Amino acid sequence: KKLVDRSLYGTKEINLEVNNFEQACNLLLASGFDLK
């Protein structure tokens, strides 16, 4: 998600469905992201 501005058209997003919450989080952590 990216907030360009606080207007009706100001939030951009890319969404996809995954099948496991913890595994998706683990994938991001293994890829170098930090949990914020």
PDB file of all heavy atoms in Angstrom:
ATOM      1  N   LYS A   1       0.847  -1.186   0.000  1.00  0.00           N
ATOM      2  CA  LYS A   1       0.000   0.000   0.000  1.00  0.00           C
ATOM      3  C   LYS A   1       0.886   1.240   0.000  1.00  0.00           C
ATOM      4  O   LYS A   1       1.944   1.257   0.636  1.00  0.00           O
ATOM      5  CB  LYS A   1      -0.925   0.001   1.214  1.00  0.00           C
ATOM      6  CG  LYS A   1      -1.901  -1.180   1.208  1.00  0.00           C
ATOM      7  CD  LYS A   1      -2.785  -1.211   2.417  1.00  0.00           C
ATOM      8  CE  LYS A   1      -3.877  -0.197   2.406  1.00  0.00           C
ATOM      9  NZ  LYS A   1      -5.082  -0.590   1.655  1.00  0.00           N
ATOM     10  N   LYS A   2       0.422   2.257  -0.722  1.00  0.00           N
ATOM     11  CA  LYS A   2       1.169   3.517  -0.776  1.00  0.00           C
ATOM     12  C   LYS A   2       0.187   4.666  -0.679  1.00  0.00           C
ATOM     13  O   LYS A   2      -0.761   4.759  -1.455  1.00  0.00           O
ATOM     14  CB  LYS A   2       1.974   3.620  -2.058  1.00  0.00           C
ATOM     15  CG  LYS A   2       2.819   4.890  -2.108  1.00  0.00           C
ATOM     16  CD  LYS A   2       3.778   4.890  -3.283  1.00  0.00           C
ATOM     17  CE  LYS A   2       4.676   6.109  -3.197  1.00  0.00           C
ATOM     18  NZ  LYS A   2       5.688   6.104  -4.250  1.00  0.00           N
ATOM     19  N   LEU A   3       0.427   5.540   0.293  1.00  0.00           N
ATOM     20  CA  LEU A   3      -0.400   6.721   0.489  1.00  0.00           C
ATOM     21  C   LEU A   3       0.283   7.883  -0.226  1.00  0.00           C
ATOM     22  O   LEU A   3       1.309   8.386   0.221  1.00  0.00           O
ATOM     23  CB  LEU A   3      -0.558   7.015   1.984  1.00  0.00           C
ATOM     24  CG  LEU A   3      -1.478   8.154   2.365  1.00  0.00           C
ATOM     25  CD1 LEU A   3      -2.919   7.847   1.977  1.00  0.00           C
ATOM     26  CD2 LEU A   3      -1.397   8.436   3.850  1.00  0.00           C
ATOM     27  N   VAL A   4      -0.292   8.279  -1.353  1.00  0.00           N
ATOM     28  CA  VAL A   4       0.248   9.393  -2.126  1.00  0.00           C
ATOM     29  C   VAL A   4      -0.189  10.710  -1.494  1.00  0.00           C
ATOM     30  O   VAL A   4       0.595  11.636  -1.321  1.00  0.00           O
ATOM     31  CB  VAL A   4      -0.226   9.311  -3.594  1.00  0.00           C
ATOM     32  CG1 VAL A   4       0.274  10.496  -4.406  1.00  0.00           C
ATOM     33  CG2 VAL A   4       0.224   7.994  -4.226  1.00  0.00           C
ATOM     34  N   ASP A   5      -1.470  10.788  -1.139  1.00  0.00           N
ATOM     35  CA  ASP A   5      -2.023  11.940  -0.429  1.00  0.00           C
ATOM     36  C   ASP A   5      -3.327  11.498   0.224  1.00  0.00           C
ATOM     37  O   ASP A   5      -3.768  10.384   0.043  1.00  0.00           O
ATOM     38  CB  ASP A   5      -2.227  13.139  -1.372  1.00  0.00           C
ATOM     39  CG  ASP A   5      -3.165  12.826  -2.535  1.00  0.00           C
ATOM     40  OD1 ASP A   5      -4.242  12.238  -2.310  1.00  0.00           O
ATOM     41  OD2 ASP A   5      -2.824  13.180  -3.681  1.00  0.00           O
ATOM     42  N   ARG A   6      -3.930  12.391   0.977  1.00  0.00           N
ATOM     43  CA  ARG A   6      -5.169  12.055   1.691  1.00  0.00           C
ATOM     44  C   ARG A   6      -6.398  12.520   0.912  1.00  0.00           C
ATOM     45  O   ARG A   6      -7.276  13.187   1.445  1.00  0.00           O
ATOM     46  CB  ARG A   6      -5.142  12.644   3.095  1.00  0.00           C
ATOM     47  CG  ARG A   6      -4.087  11.988   3.954  1.00  0.00           C
ATOM     48  CD  ARG A   6      -4.509  11.869   5.400  1.00  0.00           C
ATOM     49  NE  ARG A   6      -3.502  11.139   6.156  1.00  0.00           N
ATOM     50  CZ  ARG A   6      -3.514   9.830   6.319  1.00  0.00           C
ATOM     51  NH1 ARG A   6      -4.468   9.106   5.791  1.00  0.00           N
ATOM     52  NH2 ARG A   6      -2.579   9.232   7.020  1.00  0.00           N
ATOM     53  N   SER A   7      -6.433  12.145  -0.348  1.00  0.00           N
ATOM     54  CA  SER A   7      -7.594  12.433  -1.182  1.00  0.00           C
ATOM     55  C   SER A   7      -8.268  11.112  -1.546  1.00  0.00           C
ATOM     56  O   SER A   7      -7.736  10.033  -1.258  1.00  0.00           O
ATOM     57  CB  SER A   7      -7.160  13.159  -2.465  1.00  0.00           C
ATOM     58  OG  SER A   7      -6.466  12.258  -3.316  1.00  0.00           O
ATOM     59  N   LEU A   8      -9.409  11.188  -2.197  1.00  0.00           N
ATOM     60  CA  LEU A   8     -10.121   9.983  -2.602  1.00  0.00           C
ATOM     61  C   LEU A   8      -9.247   9.080  -3.469  1.00  0.00           C
ATOM     62  O   LEU A   8      -9.316   7.863  -3.373  1.00  0.00           O
ATOM     63  CB  LEU A   8     -11.407  10.361  -3.347  1.00  0.00           C
ATOM     64  CG  LEU A   8     -12.251   9.196  -3.862  1.00  0.00           C
ATOM     65  CD1 LEU A   8     -12.730   8.316  -2.707  1.00  0.00           C
ATOM     66  CD2 LEU A   8     -13.433   9.710  -4.669  1.00  0.00           C
ATOM     67  N   TYR A   9      -8.398   9.671  -4.301  1.00  0.00           N
ATOM     68  CA  TYR A   9      -7.570   8.892  -5.224  1.00  0.00           C
ATOM     69  C   TYR A   9      -6.140   8.713  -4.712  1.00  0.00           C
ATOM     70  O   TYR A   9      -5.265   8.305  -5.460  1.00  0.00           O
ATOM     71  CB  TYR A   9      -7.557   9.574  -6.599  1.00  0.00           C
ATOM     72  CG  TYR A   9      -8.912   9.585  -7.255  1.00  0.00           C
ATOM     73  CD1 TYR A   9      -9.780  10.666  -7.083  1.00  0.00           C
ATOM     74  CD2 TYR A   9      -9.348   8.505  -8.013  1.00  0.00           C
ATOM     75  CE1 TYR A   9     -11.041  10.672  -7.670  1.00  0.00           C
ATOM     76  CE2 TYR A   9     -10.601   8.501  -8.602  1.00  0.00           C
ATOM     77  CZ  TYR A   9     -11.445   9.581  -8.429  1.00  0.00           C
ATOM     78  OH  TYR A   9     -12.685   9.578  -9.002  1.00  0.00           O
ATOM     79  N   GLY A  10      -5.915   8.991  -3.444  1.00  0.00           N
ATOM     80  CA  GLY A  10      -4.556   9.051  -2.931  1.00  0.00           C
ATOM     81  C   GLY A  10      -3.941   7.774  -2.403  1.00  0.00           C
ATOM     82  O   GLY A  10      -2.776   7.757  -2.027  1.00  0.00           O
ATOM     83  N   THR A  11      -4.682   6.666  -2.336  1.00  0.00           N
ATOM     84  CA  THR A  11      -4.121   5.416  -1.834  1.00  0.00           C
ATOM     85  C   THR A  11      -4.022   4.404  -2.974  1.00  0.00           C
ATOM     86  O   THR A  11      -5.013   4.071  -3.600  1.00  0.00           O
ATOM     87  CB  THR A  11      -4.975   4.826  -0.692  1.00  0.00           C
ATOM     88  OG1 THR A  11      -5.092   5.794   0.359  1.00  0.00           O
ATOM     89  CG2 THR A  11      -4.335   3.560  -0.128  1.00  0.00           C
ATOM     90  N   LYS A  12      -2.805   3.937  -3.226  1.00  0.00           N
ATOM     91  CA  LYS A  12      -2.555   2.928  -4.253  1.00  0.00           C
ATOM     92  C   LYS A  12      -2.273   1.608  -3.546  1.00  0.00           C
ATOM     93  O   LYS A  12      -1.682   1.583  -2.458  1.00  0.00           O
ATOM     94  CB  LYS A  12      -1.354   3.310  -5.121  1.00  0.00           C
ATOM     95  CG  LYS A  12      -1.420   4.717  -5.695  1.00  0.00           C
ATOM     96  CD  LYS A  12      -2.594   4.904  -6.609  1.00  0.00           C
ATOM     97  CE  LYS A  12      -2.629   6.312  -7.196  1.00  0.00           C
ATOM     98  NZ  LYS A  12      -3.839   6.590  -7.924  1.00  0.00           N
ATOM     99  N   GLU A  13      -2.672   0.497  -4.165  1.00  0.00           N
ATOM    100  CA  GLU A  13      -2.445  -0.790  -3.516  1.00  0.00           C
ATOM    101  C   GLU A  13      -2.331  -1.917  -4.531  1.00  0.00           C
ATOM    102  O   GLU A  13      -2.854  -1.832  -5.638  1.00  0.00           O
ATOM    103  CB  GLU A  13      -3.563  -1.093  -2.516  1.00  0.00           C
ATOM    104  CG  GLU A  13      -4.931  -1.265  -3.142  1.00  0.00           C
ATOM    105  CD  GLU A  13      -6.033  -1.541  -2.123  1.00  0.00           C
ATOM    106  OE1 GLU A  13      -5.774  -1.498  -0.915  1.00  0.00           O
ATOM    107  OE2 GLU A  13      -7.159  -1.808  -2.555  1.00  0.00           O
ATOM    108  N   ILE A  14      -1.623  -2.943  -4.111  1.00  0.00           N
ATOM    109  CA  ILE A  14      -1.561  -4.214  -4.828  1.00  0.00           C
ATOM    110  C   ILE A  14      -1.895  -5.274  -3.795  1.00  0.00           C
ATOM    111  O   ILE A  14      -1.267  -5.344  -2.738  1.00  0.00           O
ATOM    112  CB  ILE A  14      -0.157  -4.477  -5.416  1.00  0.00           C
ATOM    113  CG1 ILE A  14       0.253  -3.350  -6.371  1.00  0.00           C
ATOM    114  CG2 ILE A  14      -0.128  -5.835  -6.119  1.00  0.00           C
ATOM    115  CD1 ILE A  14       1.712  -3.400  -6.771  1.00  0.00           C
ATOM    116  N   ASN A  15      -2.916  -6.083  -4.072  1.00  0.00           N
ATOM    117  CA  ASN A  15      -3.370  -7.109  -3.125  1.00  0.00           C
ATOM    118  C   ASN A  15      -3.310  -8.478  -3.761  1.00  0.00           C
ATOM    119  O   ASN A  15      -3.628  -8.624  -4.939  1.00  0.00           O
ATOM    120  CB  ASN A  15      -4.830  -6.863  -2.726  1.00  0.00           C
ATOM    121  CG  ASN A  15      -5.000  -5.634  -1.880  1.00  0.00           C
ATOM    122  OD1 ASN A  15      -4.418  -5.518  -0.818  1.00  0.00           O
ATOM    123  ND2 ASN A  15      -5.795  -4.695  -2.356  1.00  0.00           N
ATOM    124  N   LEU A  16      -2.941  -9.452  -2.963  1.00  0.00           N
ATOM    125  CA  LEU A  16      -3.095 -10.827  -3.413  1.00  0.00           C
ATOM    126  C   LEU A  16      -3.468 -11.687  -2.219  1.00  0.00           C
ATOM    127  O   LEU A  16      -3.151 -11.373  -1.075  1.00  0.00           O
ATOM    128  CB  LEU A  16      -1.842 -11.349  -4.117  1.00  0.00           C
ATOM    129  CG  LEU A  16      -0.558 -11.483  -3.310  1.00  0.00           C
ATOM    130  CD1 LEU A  16      -0.232 -12.953  -3.153  1.00  0.00           C
ATOM    131  CD2 LEU A  16       0.562 -10.810  -4.074  1.00  0.00           C
ATOM    132  N   GLU A  17      -4.205 -12.730  -2.521  1.00  0.00           N
ATOM    133  CA  GLU A  17      -4.638 -13.640  -1.466  1.00  0.00           C
ATOM    134  C   GLU A  17      -3.582 -14.714  -1.275  1.00  0.00           C
ATOM    135  O   GLU A  17      -3.035 -15.248  -2.243  1.00  0.00           O
ATOM    136  CB  GLU A  17      -5.981 -14.267  -1.855  1.00  0.00           C
ATOM    137  CG  GLU A  17      -6.710 -14.869  -0.684  1.00  0.00           C
ATOM    138  CD  GLU A  17      -8.152 -15.223  -1.006  1.00  0.00           C
ATOM    139  OE1 GLU A  17      -8.794 -14.485  -1.773  1.00  0.00           O
ATOM    140  OE2 GLU A  17      -8.616 -16.249  -0.469  1.00  0.00           O
ATOM    141  N   VAL A  18      -3.262 -14.995  -0.021  1.00  0.00           N
ATOM    142  CA  VAL A  18      -2.320 -16.063   0.331  1.00  0.00           C
ATOM    143  C   VAL A  18      -3.056 -17.029   1.253  1.00  0.00           C
ATOM    144  O   VAL A  18      -4.134 -16.713   1.753  1.00  0.00           O
ATOM    145  CB  VAL A  18      -1.036 -15.504   0.989  1.00  0.00           C
ATOM    146  CG1 VAL A  18      -0.253 -14.644   0.004  1.00  0.00           C
ATOM    147  CG2 VAL A  18      -1.341 -14.695   2.242  1.00  0.00           C
ATOM    148  N   ASN A  19      -2.491 -18.191   1.499  1.00  0.00           N
ATOM    149  CA  ASN A  19      -3.272 -19.166   2.262  1.00  0.00           C
ATOM    150  C   ASN A  19      -2.821 -19.376   3.703  1.00  0.00           C
ATOM    151  O   ASN A  19      -3.393 -20.178   4.413  1.00  0.00           O
ATOM    152  CB  ASN A  19      -3.324 -20.509   1.525  1.00  0.00           C
ATOM    153  CG  ASN A  19      -1.961 -21.164   1.397  1.00  0.00           C
ATOM    154  OD1 ASN A  19      -0.974 -20.674   1.940  1.00  0.00           O
ATOM    155  ND2 ASN A  19      -1.910 -22.256   0.664  1.00  0.00           N
ATOM    156  N   ASN A  20      -1.785 -18.621   4.148  1.00  0.00           N
ATOM    157  CA  ASN A  20      -1.300 -18.849   5.505  1.00  0.00           C
ATOM    158  C   ASN A  20      -0.696 -17.560   6.051  1.00  0.00           C
ATOM    159  O   ASN A  20       0.297 -17.063   5.507  1.00  0.00           O
ATOM    160  CB  ASN A  20      -0.269 -19.983   5.487  1.00  0.00           C
ATOM    161  CG  ASN A  20       0.155 -20.390   6.878  1.00  0.00           C
ATOM    162  OD1 ASN A  20       0.766 -19.617   7.605  1.00  0.00           O
ATOM    163  ND2 ASN A  20      -0.168 -21.620   7.238  1.00  0.00           N
ATOM    164  N   PHE A  21      -1.292 -17.037   7.101  1.00  0.00           N
ATOM    165  CA  PHE A  21      -0.846 -15.765   7.690  1.00  0.00           C
ATOM    166  C   PHE A  21       0.608 -15.843   8.168  1.00  0.00           C
ATOM    167  O   PHE A  21       1.446 -15.036   7.778  1.00  0.00           O
ATOM    168  CB  PHE A  21      -1.778 -15.402   8.850  1.00  0.00           C
ATOM    169  CG  PHE A  21      -1.426 -14.123   9.556  1.00  0.00           C
ATOM    170  CD1 PHE A  21      -1.787 -12.895   9.010  1.00  0.00           C
ATOM    171  CD2 PHE A  21      -0.761 -14.137  10.779  1.00  0.00           C
ATOM    172  CE1 PHE A  21      -1.473 -11.708   9.662  1.00  0.00           C
ATOM    173  CE2 PHE A  21      -0.448 -12.959  11.435  1.00  0.00           C
ATOM    174  CZ  PHE A  21      -0.806 -11.738  10.881  1.00  0.00           C
ATOM    175  N   GLU A  22       0.912 -16.814   9.010  1.00  0.00           N
ATOM    176  CA  GLU A  22       2.258 -16.891   9.579  1.00  0.00           C
ATOM    177  C   GLU A  22       3.316 -17.177   8.517  1.00  0.00           C
ATOM    178  O   GLU A  22       4.409 -16.618   8.553  1.00  0.00           O
ATOM    179  CB  GLU A  22       2.313 -17.937  10.704  1.00  0.00           C
ATOM    180  CG  GLU A  22       1.565 -17.536  11.961  1.00  0.00           C
ATOM    181  CD  GLU A  22       2.008 -16.208  12.583  1.00  0.00           C
ATOM    182  OE1 GLU A  22       3.205 -15.845  12.458  1.00  0.00           O
ATOM    183  OE2 GLU A  22       1.160 -15.529  13.180  1.00  0.00           O
ATOM    184  N   GLN A  23       2.994 -18.035   7.560  1.00  0.00           N
ATOM    185  CA  GLN A  23       3.975 -18.341   6.513  1.00  0.00           C
ATOM    186  C   GLN A  23       4.244 -17.137   5.622  1.00  0.00           C
ATOM    187  O   GLN A  23       5.382 -16.913   5.196  1.00  0.00           O
ATOM    188  CB  GLN A  23       3.512 -19.536   5.672  1.00  0.00           C
ATOM    189  CG  GLN A  23       3.646 -20.869   6.397  1.00  0.00           C
ATOM    190  CD  GLN A  23       5.094 -21.213   6.724  1.00  0.00           C
ATOM    191  OE1 GLN A  23       5.632 -20.814   7.751  1.00  0.00           O
ATOM    192  NE2 GLN A  23       5.728 -21.948   5.840  1.00  0.00           N
ATOM    193  N   ALA A  24       3.213 -16.342   5.331  1.00  0.00           N
ATOM    194  CA  ALA A  24       3.415 -15.114   4.556  1.00  0.00           C
ATOM    195  C   ALA A  24       4.318 -14.153   5.322  1.00  0.00           C
ATOM    196  O   ALA A  24       5.230 -13.539   4.742  1.00  0.00           O
ATOM    197  CB  ALA A  24       2.078 -14.455   4.235  1.00  0.00           C
ATOM    198  N   CYS A  25       4.103 -14.046   6.627  1.00  0.00           N
ATOM    199  CA  CYS A  25       4.964 -13.191   7.467  1.00  0.00           C
ATOM    200  C   CYS A  25       6.393 -13.724   7.479  1.00  0.00           C
ATOM    201  O   CYS A  25       7.360 -12.953   7.360  1.00  0.00           O
ATOM    202  CB  CYS A  25       4.408 -13.109   8.882  1.00  0.00           C
ATOM    203  SG  CYS A  25       2.815 -12.263   8.990  1.00  0.00           S
ATOM    204  N   ASN A  26       6.537 -15.047   7.611  1.00  0.00           N
ATOM    205  CA  ASN A  26       7.871 -15.652   7.618  1.00  0.00           C
ATOM    206  C   ASN A  26       8.597 -15.428   6.298  1.00  0.00           C
ATOM    207  O   ASN A  26       9.813 -15.208   6.272  1.00  0.00           O
ATOM    208  CB  ASN A  26       7.782 -17.147   7.922  1.00  0.00           C
ATOM    209  CG  ASN A  26       7.383 -17.419   9.359  1.00  0.00           C
ATOM    210  OD1 ASN A  26       7.540 -16.562  10.234  1.00  0.00           O
ATOM    211  ND2 ASN A  26       6.847 -18.595   9.618  1.00  0.00           N
ATOM    212  N   LEU A  27       7.871 -15.479   5.185  1.00  0.00           N
ATOM    213  CA  LEU A  27       8.469 -15.218   3.877  1.00  0.00           C
ATOM    214  C   LEU A  27       9.050 -13.809   3.819  1.00  0.00           C
ATOM    215  O   LEU A  27      10.172 -13.607   3.342  1.00  0.00           O
ATOM    216  CB  LEU A  27       7.418 -15.397   2.777  1.00  0.00           C
ATOM    217  CG  LEU A  27       7.874 -15.013   1.368  1.00  0.00           C
ATOM    218  CD1 LEU A  27       8.836 -16.059   0.820  1.00  0.00           C
ATOM    219  CD2 LEU A  27       6.702 -14.851   0.444  1.00  0.00           C
ATOM    220  N   LEU A  28       8.295 -12.831   4.318  1.00  0.00           N
ATOM    221  CA  LEU A  28       8.788 -11.451   4.309  1.00  0.00           C
ATOM    222  C   LEU A  28      10.010 -11.290   5.203  1.00  0.00           C
ATOM    223  O   LEU A  28      10.986 -10.635   4.826  1.00  0.00           O
ATOM    224  CB  LEU A  28       7.673 -10.498   4.744  1.00  0.00           C
ATOM    225  CG  LEU A  28       6.512 -10.365   3.759  1.00  0.00           C
ATOM    226  CD1 LEU A  28       5.353  -9.605   4.385  1.00  0.00           C
ATOM    227  CD2 LEU A  28       6.953  -9.694   2.468  1.00  0.00           C
ATOM    228  N   LEU A  29       9.973 -11.909   6.382  1.00  0.00           N
ATOM    229  CA  LEU A  29      11.126 -11.832   7.286  1.00  0.00           C
ATOM    230  C   LEU A  29      12.355 -12.467   6.649  1.00  0.00           C
ATOM    231  O   LEU A  29      13.465 -11.916   6.715  1.00  0.00           O
ATOM    232  CB  LEU A  29      10.795 -12.510   8.624  1.00  0.00           C
ATOM    233  CG  LEU A  29       9.747 -11.802   9.486  1.00  0.00           C
ATOM    234  CD1 LEU A  29       9.341 -12.687  10.659  1.00  0.00           C
ATOM    235  CD2 LEU A  29      10.269 -10.452   9.978  1.00  0.00           C
ATOM    236  N   ALA A  30      12.177 -13.623   6.006  1.00  0.00           N
ATOM    237  CA  ALA A  30      13.301 -14.308   5.356  1.00  0.00           C
ATOM    238  C   ALA A  30      13.825 -13.517   4.164  1.00  0.00           C
ATOM    239  O   ALA A  30      14.985 -13.678   3.772  1.00  0.00           O
ATOM    240  CB  ALA A  30      12.859 -15.707   4.903  1.00  0.00           C
ATOM    241  N   SER A  31      12.983 -12.642   3.614  1.00  0.00           N
ATOM    242  CA  SER A  31      13.371 -11.840   2.452  1.00  0.00           C
ATOM    243  C   SER A  31      14.043 -10.525   2.843  1.00  0.00           C
ATOM    244  O   SER A  31      14.340  -9.706   1.986  1.00  0.00           O
ATOM    245  CB  SER A  31      12.143 -11.532   1.593  1.00  0.00           C
ATOM    246  OG  SER A  31      11.551 -12.719   1.138  1.00  0.00           O
ATOM    247  N   GLY A  32      14.242 -10.315   4.139  1.00  0.00           N
ATOM    248  CA  GLY A  32      14.965  -9.126   4.582  1.00  0.00           C
ATOM    249  C   GLY A  32      14.103  -7.999   5.111  1.00  0.00           C
ATOM    250  O   GLY A  32      14.619  -6.939   5.467  1.00  0.00           O
ATOM    251  N   PHE A  33      12.804  -8.212   5.197  1.00  0.00           N
ATOM    252  CA  PHE A  33      11.940  -7.192   5.776  1.00  0.00           C
ATOM    253  C   PHE A  33      11.947  -7.309   7.296  1.00  0.00           C
ATOM    254  O   PHE A  33      12.211  -8.386   7.842  1.00  0.00           O
ATOM    255  CB  PHE A  33      10.497  -7.348   5.272  1.00  0.00           C
ATOM    256  CG  PHE A  33      10.310  -6.956   3.834  1.00  0.00           C
ATOM    257  CD1 PHE A  33      10.440  -7.890   2.818  1.00  0.00           C
ATOM    258  CD2 PHE A  33      10.008  -5.646   3.495  1.00  0.00           C
ATOM    259  CE1 PHE A  33      10.268  -7.537   1.495  1.00  0.00           C
ATOM    260  CE2 PHE A  33       9.839  -5.278   2.171  1.00  0.00           C
ATOM    261  CZ  PHE A  33       9.973  -6.225   1.166  1.00  0.00           C
ATOM    262  N   ASP A  34      11.651  -6.215   7.972  1.00  0.00           N
ATOM    263  CA  ASP A  34      11.486  -6.206   9.425  1.00  0.00           C
ATOM    264  C   ASP A  34      10.003  -6.071   9.753  1.00  0.00           C
ATOM    265  O   ASP A  34       9.276  -5.346   9.059  1.00  0.00           O
ATOM    266  CB  ASP A  34      12.201  -5.002  10.054  1.00  0.00           C
ATOM    267  CG  ASP A  34      13.694  -5.214  10.210  1.00  0.00           C
ATOM    268  OD1 ASP A  34      14.184  -6.332   9.961  1.00  0.00           O
ATOM    269  OD2 ASP A  34      14.377  -4.227  10.566  1.00  0.00           O
ATOM    270  N   LEU A  35       9.578  -6.752  10.815  1.00  0.00           N
ATOM    271  CA  LEU A  35       8.229  -6.559  11.336  1.00  0.00           C
ATOM    272  C   LEU A  35       8.217  -5.223  12.066  1.00  0.00           C
ATOM    273  O   LEU A  35       9.006  -5.009  12.988  1.00  0.00           O
ATOM    274  CB  LEU A  35       7.855  -7.690  12.299  1.00  0.00           C
ATOM    275  CG  LEU A  35       6.546  -7.520  13.062  1.00  0.00           C
ATOM    276  CD1 LEU A  35       5.357  -7.464  12.107  1.00  0.00           C
ATOM    277  CD2 LEU A  35       6.366  -8.643  14.068  1.00  0.00           C
ATOM    278  N   LYS A  36       7.355  -4.317  11.645  1.00  0.00           N
ATOM    279  CA  LYS A  36       7.311  -2.986  12.246  1.00  0.00           C
ATOM    280  C   LYS A  36       6.144  -2.821  13.211  1.00  0.00           C
ATOM    281  O   LYS A  36       6.228  -2.047  14.153  1.00  0.00           O
ATOM    282  CB  LYS A  36       7.226  -1.908  11.156  1.00  0.00           C
ATOM    283  CG  LYS A  36       8.423  -1.895  10.207  1.00  0.00           C
ATOM    284  CD  LYS A  36       9.730  -1.612  10.928  1.00  0.00           C
ATOM    285  CE  LYS A  36      10.877  -1.459   9.952  1.00  0.00           C
ATOM    286  NZ  LYS A  36      12.145  -1.169  10.608  1.00  0.00           N
TER     287      LYS A  36
END
